[in-house]
C-alpha atoms as a PDB file:
ATOM      1  CA  MET A   1     -22.706 -24.337 -11.383  1.00  0.00           C
ATOM      2  CA  THR A   2     -21.514 -21.009 -12.802  1.00  0.00           C
ATOM      3  CA  THR A   3     -22.635 -19.315  -9.608  1.00  0.00           C
ATOM      4  CA  ASN A   4     -20.176 -21.402  -7.594  1.00  0.00           C
ATOM      5  CA  ASN A   5     -17.342 -20.489  -9.969  1.00  0.00           C
ATOM      6  CA  GLN A   6     -18.143 -16.787  -9.723  1.00  0.00           C
ATOM      7  CA  THR A   7     -18.221 -16.989  -5.945  1.00  0.00           C
ATOM      8  CA  SER A   8     -14.855 -18.736  -5.900  1.00  0.00           C
ATOM      9  CA  ILE A   9     -13.289 -16.122  -8.140  1.00  0.00           C
ATOM     10  CA  ALA A  10     -14.690 -13.281  -6.055  1.00  0.00           C
ATOM     11  CA  SER A  11     -13.315 -14.767  -2.858  1.00  0.00           C
ATOM     12  CA  LEU A  12      -9.820 -14.974  -4.377  1.00  0.00           C
ATOM     13  CA  ALA A  13      -9.711 -11.271  -5.254  1.00  0.00           C
ATOM     14  CA  LYS A  14      -7.229  -9.201  -3.284  1.00  0.00           C
ATOM     15  CA  LYS A  15      -8.630  -6.703  -0.832  1.00  0.00           C
ATOM     16  CA  ARG A  16      -7.406  -3.122  -0.731  1.00  0.00           C
ATOM     17  CA  ARG A  17      -5.070  -2.289   2.088  1.00  0.00           C
ATOM     18  CA  THR A  18      -5.986   0.505   4.432  1.00  0.00           C
ATOM     19  CA  TYR A  19      -3.404   2.529   6.310  1.00  0.00           C
ATOM     20  CA  SER A  20      -3.905   4.384   9.558  1.00  0.00           C
ATOM     21  CA  ALA A  21      -3.498   8.144   9.752  1.00  0.00           C
ATOM     22  CA  GLU A  22      -0.498   7.612  12.030  1.00  0.00           C
ATOM     23  CA  PHE A  23       1.221   5.373   9.468  1.00  0.00           C
ATOM     24  CA  LYS A  24       0.584   7.904   6.703  1.00  0.00           C
ATOM     25  CA  GLN A  25       1.982  10.701   8.850  1.00  0.00           C
ATOM     26  CA  GLN A  26       5.078   8.610   9.582  1.00  0.00           C
ATOM     27  CA  ILE A  27       5.661   8.112   5.856  1.00  0.00           C
ATOM     28  CA  VAL A  28       5.240  11.823   5.123  1.00  0.00           C
ATOM     29  CA  GLN A  29       7.678  12.783   7.881  1.00  0.00           C
ATOM     30  CA  ALA A  30      10.215  10.252   6.627  1.00  0.00           C
ATOM     31  CA  CYS A  31       9.956  11.712   3.111  1.00  0.00           C
ATOM     32  CA  LYS A  32      10.607  15.225   4.445  1.00  0.00           C
ATOM     33  CA  ALA A  33      13.947  14.220   5.965  1.00  0.00           C
ATOM     34  CA  PRO A  34      16.999  15.700   4.218  1.00  0.00           C
ATOM     35  CA  ASP A  35      18.895  13.502   1.766  1.00  0.00           C
ATOM     36  CA  VAL A  36      16.169  10.828   1.703  1.00  0.00           C
ATOM     37  CA  SER A  37      14.467   9.714  -1.495  1.00  0.00           C
ATOM     38  CA  ILE A  38      10.766   8.968  -1.650  1.00  0.00           C
ATOM     39  CA  ALA A  39      11.556   5.656  -3.334  1.00  0.00           C
ATOM     40  CA  SER A  40      13.781   4.559  -0.454  1.00  0.00           C
ATOM     41  CA  VAL A  41      11.110   5.433   2.122  1.00  0.00           C
ATOM     42  CA  ALA A  42       8.516   3.502   0.131  1.00  0.00           C
ATOM     43  CA  LEU A  43      10.748   0.446  -0.165  1.00  0.00           C
ATOM     44  CA  GLN A  44      11.614   0.498   3.545  1.00  0.00           C
ATOM     45  CA  HIS A  45       7.917   0.333   4.376  1.00  0.00           C
ATOM     46  CA  GLY A  46       6.967  -2.229   1.728  1.00  0.00           C
ATOM     47  CA  LEU A  47       5.044   0.261  -0.403  1.00  0.00           C
ATOM     48  CA  ASN A  48       5.037   0.945  -4.107  1.00  0.00           C
ATOM     49  CA  THR A  49       6.658   4.301  -4.854  1.00  0.00           C
ATOM     50  CA  ASN A  50       3.517   5.390  -6.716  1.00  0.00           C
ATOM     51  CA  LEU A  51       1.552   5.220  -3.465  1.00  0.00           C
ATOM     52  CA  VAL A  52       3.904   7.665  -1.775  1.00  0.00           C
ATOM     53  CA  SER A  53       4.659  10.215  -4.497  1.00  0.00           C
END
């Protein structure tokens, strides 16, 4: 019975997101724009600021 519980817990774990090279490039270009903060770019794209900086 513990095997079933472990399987259930494993299936509930969140999977890591993967981002395409194009998406990453778009984020970088947006961060390079004048008078734009990295935090605002991250928030606009639904990302945590730590992922961008």
